[in-house]
Protein backbone atom coordinates (compact mmCIF):
# COMPACT_ATOMS: atom_id res chain seq x y z
CA MET A 1 -86.92 46.78 -74.01
CA ILE A 2 -85.35 43.38 -74.70
CA LEU A 3 -84.83 44.27 -78.36
CA TYR A 4 -83.38 47.65 -77.39
CA GLU A 5 -80.89 46.16 -74.93
CA LEU A 6 -79.79 43.36 -77.26
CA LEU A 7 -79.43 45.72 -80.18
CA LEU A 8 -77.08 47.87 -78.11
CA HIS A 9 -75.21 45.12 -76.25
CA THR A 10 -75.37 42.06 -78.55
CA ARG A 11 -75.13 39.40 -75.80
CA LEU A 12 -76.82 39.57 -72.41
CA THR A 13 -78.15 37.16 -69.84
CA GLN A 14 -81.75 37.36 -68.69
CA LYS A 15 -80.47 38.66 -65.34
CA GLN A 16 -78.54 41.45 -67.07
CA ILE A 17 -81.62 42.44 -69.07
CA VAL A 18 -83.69 42.54 -65.86
CA GLU A 19 -81.05 44.72 -64.17
CA ARG A 20 -80.78 47.08 -67.16
CA THR A 21 -84.53 47.55 -67.57
CA ASN A 22 -85.75 47.30 -63.96
CA LEU A 23 -88.59 45.15 -65.28
CA PRO A 24 -89.78 42.03 -63.43
CA LYS A 25 -87.90 38.81 -64.18
CA GLN A 26 -91.17 37.12 -65.12
CA SER A 27 -91.97 39.79 -67.74
CA ILE A 28 -88.49 39.59 -69.25
CA ASN A 29 -88.64 35.78 -69.32
CA LYS A 30 -92.01 35.87 -71.08
CA GLY A 31 -90.67 38.38 -73.63
CA ILE A 32 -87.53 36.32 -74.25
CA LEU A 33 -89.55 33.17 -74.85
CA GLN A 34 -91.93 34.99 -77.19
CA LEU A 35 -89.05 36.50 -79.20
CA ARG A 36 -87.38 33.09 -79.33
CA ASP A 37 -90.58 31.41 -80.55
CA GLU A 38 -90.92 34.07 -83.26
CA GLY A 39 -87.35 33.40 -84.41
CA TYR A 40 -85.96 36.79 -83.36
CA LEU A 41 -83.83 35.59 -80.47
CA THR A 42 -81.71 32.58 -79.61
CA LEU A 43 -80.47 31.32 -76.27
CA GLU A 44 -77.02 29.86 -75.67
CA GLN A 45 -75.97 28.14 -72.47
CA ASP A 46 -72.83 29.32 -70.71
CA GLU A 47 -69.99 26.79 -71.00
CA LYS A 48 -69.00 27.10 -67.34
CA ASP A 49 -72.40 27.56 -65.67
CA ASN A 50 -75.37 25.63 -67.06
CA ARG A 51 -77.79 27.90 -65.18
CA VAL A 52 -76.72 30.91 -67.25
CA LYS A 53 -78.16 31.42 -70.73
CA TYR A 54 -77.10 34.20 -73.04
CA CYS A 55 -79.62 35.91 -75.29
CA PHE A 56 -78.67 36.87 -78.84
CA LEU A 57 -80.67 38.40 -81.64
CA THR A 58 -80.90 36.24 -84.73
CA GLU A 59 -80.23 37.86 -88.09
CA GLU A 60 -83.99 38.24 -88.51
CA GLY A 61 -84.22 39.54 -84.94
CA GLU A 62 -81.59 42.19 -85.60
CA LYS A 63 -83.50 43.39 -88.66
CA TYR A 64 -86.73 43.45 -86.67
CA ALA A 65 -85.09 45.27 -83.74
CA LYS A 66 -83.58 47.90 -86.02
CA LEU A 67 -86.96 48.44 -87.68
CA LYS A 68 -88.67 48.89 -84.30
CA ILE A 69 -85.89 50.61 -82.34
CA GLN A 70 -84.11 52.81 -84.91
CA PRO A 71 -86.68 55.63 -84.73
CA LEU A 72 -86.11 55.74 -80.95
CA LEU A 73 -82.33 55.77 -81.40
CA ASP A 74 -82.65 58.62 -83.92
CA ILE A 75 -84.65 60.68 -81.42
CA GLU A 76 -82.15 59.89 -78.66
CA GLU A 77 -79.31 61.09 -80.88
CA LYS A 78 -81.08 64.39 -81.55
CA ILE A 79 -81.70 64.92 -77.84
CA ILE A 80 -78.07 64.13 -77.00
CA MET A 81 -76.87 66.64 -79.58
CA LYS A 82 -79.25 69.30 -78.26
CA MET A 83 -78.46 68.76 -74.56
CA GLY A 84 -74.71 68.43 -74.91
CA LYS A 85 -72.14 66.13 -73.38
CA LYS A 86 -72.09 67.67 -69.88
CA LYS A 87 -75.84 67.39 -69.33
CA ILE A 88 -75.93 63.84 -70.67
CA GLU A 89 -73.14 62.85 -68.27
CA GLN A 90 -75.11 64.42 -65.39
CA LEU A 91 -78.22 62.58 -66.51
CA ASN A 92 -76.36 59.27 -66.60
CA GLU A 93 -74.98 59.87 -63.10
CA LEU A 94 -78.47 60.63 -61.77
CA LEU A 95 -79.93 57.57 -63.48
CA GLU A 96 -77.21 55.38 -62.02
CA GLU A 97 -77.95 56.78 -58.55
CA TRP A 98 -81.68 56.21 -59.14
CA ASN A 99 -81.08 52.60 -60.19
CA LEU A 100 -78.85 51.85 -57.19
CA ASN A 101 -81.42 53.28 -54.77
CA PHE A 102 -84.27 51.52 -56.56
CA LYS A 103 -82.48 48.18 -56.32
CA LYS A 104 -81.65 48.80 -52.66
CA TYR A 105 -85.25 49.52 -51.68
CA LYS A 106 -86.60 46.77 -53.91
CA ASP A 107 -84.28 44.25 -52.22
CA GLU A 108 -85.42 45.40 -48.77
CA GLU A 109 -89.04 44.46 -49.48
């Protein structure tokens, strides 16, 4: 999921990756550190806020992500073409509603 998000968005914070994937912060942190140790990802501290670190794929990481993620992107493209724009927009609206409600109930616990 980390590779997928960074391939699509180039630069994200750990918090943004957690929010986009709805995966636990601990799992994302472990994945980020593993990808960094393998040379696929680099971290860069925010100039204004030292607590914020941005994640970037390295050149090797981008190649690796494309190798792993491209088959998924190809399938997604086929599904989008088959379903059509209107259904995909409805799906995105429902997923956004799902995520907002999920976050709300998660924060209540």
